N, C-alpha and C. Protein backbone atom coordinates (compact mmCIF):
# COMPACT_ATOMS: atom_id res chain seq x y z
N MET A 1 -55.80 -39.16 82.16
CA MET A 1 -55.29 -40.68 82.32
C MET A 1 -54.14 -40.43 83.47
N SER A 2 -54.41 -41.20 84.43
CA SER A 2 -53.25 -41.33 85.41
C SER A 2 -52.18 -42.39 85.07
N ASP A 3 -51.16 -42.13 85.72
CA ASP A 3 -50.13 -43.29 85.38
C ASP A 3 -50.46 -44.84 85.55
N SER A 4 -51.30 -44.87 86.60
CA SER A 4 -51.78 -46.30 86.80
C SER A 4 -52.82 -46.93 85.61
N ASP A 5 -53.21 -45.82 84.99
CA ASP A 5 -54.03 -46.40 83.73
C ASP A 5 -53.44 -46.86 82.48
N VAL A 6 -52.13 -46.44 82.46
CA VAL A 6 -51.07 -46.88 81.33
C VAL A 6 -50.82 -48.21 81.36
N PRO A 7 -51.11 -49.04 80.33
CA PRO A 7 -50.84 -50.36 80.15
C PRO A 7 -49.35 -50.70 79.87
N LYS A 8 -48.90 -51.68 80.49
CA LYS A 8 -47.54 -51.80 80.44
C LYS A 8 -47.11 -52.47 79.33
N GLU A 9 -46.10 -52.41 78.55
CA GLU A 9 -45.60 -52.92 77.35
C GLU A 9 -45.28 -54.40 77.48
N LEU A 10 -45.30 -55.36 76.70
CA LEU A 10 -45.18 -56.57 76.91
C LEU A 10 -43.79 -56.80 76.03
N SER A 11 -42.85 -57.59 76.69
CA SER A 11 -41.64 -57.87 76.33
C SER A 11 -41.72 -59.17 75.34
N TYR A 12 -41.52 -59.01 74.04
CA TYR A 12 -41.49 -60.21 73.27
C TYR A 12 -40.21 -61.07 73.67
N GLN A 13 -39.29 -60.56 73.78
CA GLN A 13 -37.85 -61.39 74.22
C GLN A 13 -38.35 -62.32 75.53
N SER A 14 -38.95 -61.76 76.55
CA SER A 14 -39.31 -62.38 77.80
C SER A 14 -40.49 -63.62 76.98
N LEU A 15 -41.45 -63.03 76.47
CA LEU A 15 -42.37 -64.12 75.97
C LEU A 15 -41.94 -65.30 75.32
N TRP A 16 -40.74 -65.16 74.18
CA TRP A 16 -40.15 -66.15 73.79
C TRP A 16 -39.29 -67.08 74.86
N GLY A 17 -38.61 -66.49 75.69
CA GLY A 17 -38.03 -67.18 76.79
C GLY A 17 -38.94 -68.01 77.69
N LEU A 18 -40.11 -67.49 77.78
CA LEU A 18 -41.23 -68.16 78.50
C LEU A 18 -41.72 -69.47 77.77
N VAL A 19 -41.79 -69.29 76.50
CA VAL A 19 -42.33 -70.41 75.74
C VAL A 19 -41.00 -71.33 75.38
N LEU A 20 -39.73 -71.03 75.13
CA LEU A 20 -38.94 -72.03 75.09
C LEU A 20 -38.59 -72.64 76.41
N SER A 21 -38.55 -72.01 77.53
CA SER A 21 -38.45 -72.66 78.86
C SER A 21 -39.60 -73.71 79.17
N ALA A 22 -40.80 -73.37 78.84
CA ALA A 22 -41.84 -74.18 79.00
C ALA A 22 -41.56 -75.38 78.24
N GLY A 23 -41.18 -75.25 77.01
CA GLY A 23 -40.93 -76.27 75.99
C GLY A 23 -39.75 -77.05 76.52
N LEU A 24 -38.76 -76.58 77.08
CA LEU A 24 -37.90 -77.21 77.51
C LEU A 24 -38.24 -78.28 78.88
N ALA A 25 -39.08 -77.59 79.64
CA ALA A 25 -39.50 -78.31 80.77
C ALA A 25 -40.60 -79.68 80.35
N VAL A 26 -41.23 -79.37 79.12
CA VAL A 26 -41.74 -80.38 78.80
C VAL A 26 -41.08 -81.48 78.06
N ALA A 27 -40.44 -81.33 77.33
CA ALA A 27 -39.42 -82.26 77.02
C ALA A 27 -38.53 -82.96 77.75
N GLY A 28 -38.09 -82.12 78.95
CA GLY A 28 -37.42 -82.88 79.94
C GLY A 28 -38.30 -83.79 80.93
N LEU A 29 -39.70 -83.95 80.65
CA LEU A 29 -40.67 -84.85 81.19
C LEU A 29 -40.34 -86.30 80.76
N PHE A 30 -39.98 -86.22 79.30
CA PHE A 30 -40.06 -87.53 78.45
C PHE A 30 -38.44 -87.64 78.38
N ALA A 31 -37.68 -87.30 78.77
CA ALA A 31 -36.07 -87.31 78.63
C ALA A 31 -35.41 -88.73 79.37
N LEU A 32 -36.17 -88.96 80.45
CA LEU A 32 -35.58 -89.89 81.21
C LEU A 32 -35.22 -91.28 80.18
N PRO A 33 -36.34 -91.82 79.63
CA PRO A 33 -36.03 -92.96 79.02
C PRO A 33 -35.06 -92.98 77.68
N VAL A 34 -34.87 -91.54 77.30
CA VAL A 34 -34.27 -91.36 76.40
C VAL A 34 -32.65 -91.34 76.72
N PHE A 35 -32.42 -90.93 77.92
CA PHE A 35 -31.05 -90.96 78.60
C PHE A 35 -30.78 -92.29 78.92
N GLN A 36 -31.67 -92.96 79.52
CA GLN A 36 -31.52 -94.30 80.05
C GLN A 36 -30.98 -95.21 78.48
N SER A 37 -31.68 -94.74 77.38
CA SER A 37 -31.36 -95.69 76.40
C SER A 37 -29.85 -95.58 75.85
N PHE A 38 -29.39 -94.58 76.19
CA PHE A 38 -28.01 -94.30 75.76
C PHE A 38 -26.94 -94.98 76.84
N GLY A 39 -27.33 -95.64 77.39
CA GLY A 39 -26.57 -96.46 78.69
C GLY A 39 -26.50 -95.85 79.95
N LEU A 40 -27.10 -94.86 80.30
CA LEU A 40 -27.11 -94.09 81.59
C LEU A 40 -28.01 -94.92 82.47
N GLY A 41 -27.54 -95.13 84.05
CA GLY A 41 -28.25 -95.72 84.79
C GLY A 41 -29.32 -94.96 85.37
N PHE A 42 -30.38 -95.23 86.19
CA PHE A 42 -31.59 -94.52 86.43
C PHE A 42 -31.19 -93.35 87.05
N ARG A 43 -30.31 -93.39 88.14
CA ARG A 43 -29.86 -92.15 89.08
C ARG A 43 -29.07 -90.99 88.20
N PRO A 44 -28.03 -91.32 87.23
CA PRO A 44 -27.56 -90.36 86.50
C PRO A 44 -28.44 -89.55 85.78
N ALA A 45 -29.33 -90.59 85.03
CA ALA A 45 -30.19 -90.12 84.01
C ALA A 45 -31.31 -89.19 84.73
N PHE A 46 -31.62 -89.50 86.14
CA PHE A 46 -32.48 -88.71 86.87
C PHE A 46 -31.93 -87.36 87.47
N TRP A 47 -30.91 -87.50 87.85
CA TRP A 47 -30.19 -85.84 88.11
C TRP A 47 -30.02 -85.23 86.82
N LEU A 48 -29.62 -85.81 85.76
CA LEU A 48 -29.77 -85.09 84.28
C LEU A 48 -30.76 -84.57 84.00
N VAL A 49 -32.02 -85.05 84.17
CA VAL A 49 -33.43 -84.48 83.93
C VAL A 49 -33.72 -83.45 84.96
N LEU A 50 -33.31 -83.68 86.11
CA LEU A 50 -33.57 -82.70 87.29
C LEU A 50 -32.79 -81.58 87.24
N THR A 51 -31.51 -81.49 86.58
CA THR A 51 -30.78 -80.26 86.09
C THR A 51 -31.63 -79.50 85.08
N VAL A 52 -31.80 -80.48 84.00
CA VAL A 52 -32.69 -79.71 82.79
C VAL A 52 -33.92 -78.94 83.09
N GLU A 53 -34.64 -79.81 84.21
CA GLU A 53 -35.90 -79.02 84.77
C GLU A 53 -35.62 -77.91 85.61
N ALA A 54 -34.71 -77.57 86.44
CA ALA A 54 -34.18 -76.69 87.34
C ALA A 54 -33.82 -75.61 86.43
N VAL A 55 -33.18 -75.98 85.23
CA VAL A 55 -32.76 -74.77 84.47
C VAL A 55 -34.19 -74.20 83.54
N ALA A 56 -34.83 -74.94 83.23
CA ALA A 56 -36.19 -74.49 82.77
C ALA A 56 -37.15 -73.66 83.78
N LEU A 57 -37.23 -74.00 84.97
CA LEU A 57 -37.63 -73.27 86.10
C LEU A 57 -37.20 -72.08 86.04
N ALA A 58 -35.73 -71.93 86.11
CA ALA A 58 -35.11 -70.49 86.35
C ALA A 58 -35.39 -69.89 84.93
N GLY A 59 -35.49 -70.17 83.83
CA GLY A 59 -35.96 -69.48 82.68
C GLY A 59 -37.25 -69.22 82.84
N VAL A 60 -38.22 -69.82 83.33
CA VAL A 60 -39.55 -69.46 83.50
C VAL A 60 -39.87 -68.44 84.68
N VAL A 61 -39.09 -68.25 85.68
CA VAL A 61 -39.11 -67.63 86.49
C VAL A 61 -38.53 -66.22 86.03
N ALA A 62 -37.44 -66.30 85.40
CA ALA A 62 -36.90 -65.01 84.94
C ALA A 62 -37.86 -64.32 83.85
N SER A 63 -38.25 -65.15 83.11
CA SER A 63 -39.06 -64.67 81.90
C SER A 63 -40.50 -64.10 82.55
N VAL A 64 -40.94 -64.48 83.39
CA VAL A 64 -42.15 -64.07 83.93
C VAL A 64 -41.87 -62.76 84.84
N LEU A 65 -40.83 -62.60 85.51
CA LEU A 65 -40.58 -61.63 86.25
C LEU A 65 -40.19 -60.22 85.28
N THR A 66 -39.73 -60.59 83.94
CA THR A 66 -39.33 -59.42 83.01
C THR A 66 -40.43 -59.43 81.85
N LEU A 67 -41.62 -60.09 82.01
CA LEU A 67 -42.64 -59.91 81.05
C LEU A 67 -43.19 -58.71 80.65
N HIS A 68 -43.36 -57.76 81.65
CA HIS A 68 -44.09 -56.54 81.48
C HIS A 68 -42.92 -55.41 81.57
N ARG A 69 -43.02 -54.64 80.98
CA ARG A 69 -42.19 -53.40 81.39
C ARG A 69 -42.69 -51.96 81.22
N ASP A 70 -42.38 -51.02 81.90
CA ASP A 70 -43.16 -49.71 81.93
C ASP A 70 -42.98 -49.05 80.58
N ARG A 71 -43.90 -48.52 80.02
CA ARG A 71 -43.76 -47.64 78.66
C ARG A 71 -43.39 -46.26 79.00
N GLU A 72 -42.67 -45.75 78.25
CA GLU A 72 -42.12 -44.47 78.33
C GLU A 72 -42.87 -43.51 77.66
N LEU A 73 -43.72 -42.82 78.12
CA LEU A 73 -44.58 -41.77 77.14
C LEU A 73 -44.01 -40.35 77.44
N ASP A 74 -43.51 -39.74 76.26
CA ASP A 74 -42.82 -38.65 76.01
C ASP A 74 -44.07 -37.57 75.85
């Protein structure tokens, strides 16, 4: 068996980060009316939602890039 045939180990921490970031992104889709109900105008609420979505995107990217790690075979 060559080194290229060895499957990579799944990082459960990255998997949880991916799930939580995706959940944050989905919640952000529905957050605009919630922020407006607290008295924020459209533009401040929009920028707040945009920030939440950007953080979720960064979390998804970081999680996907670290999802698999090389196994160490002794």
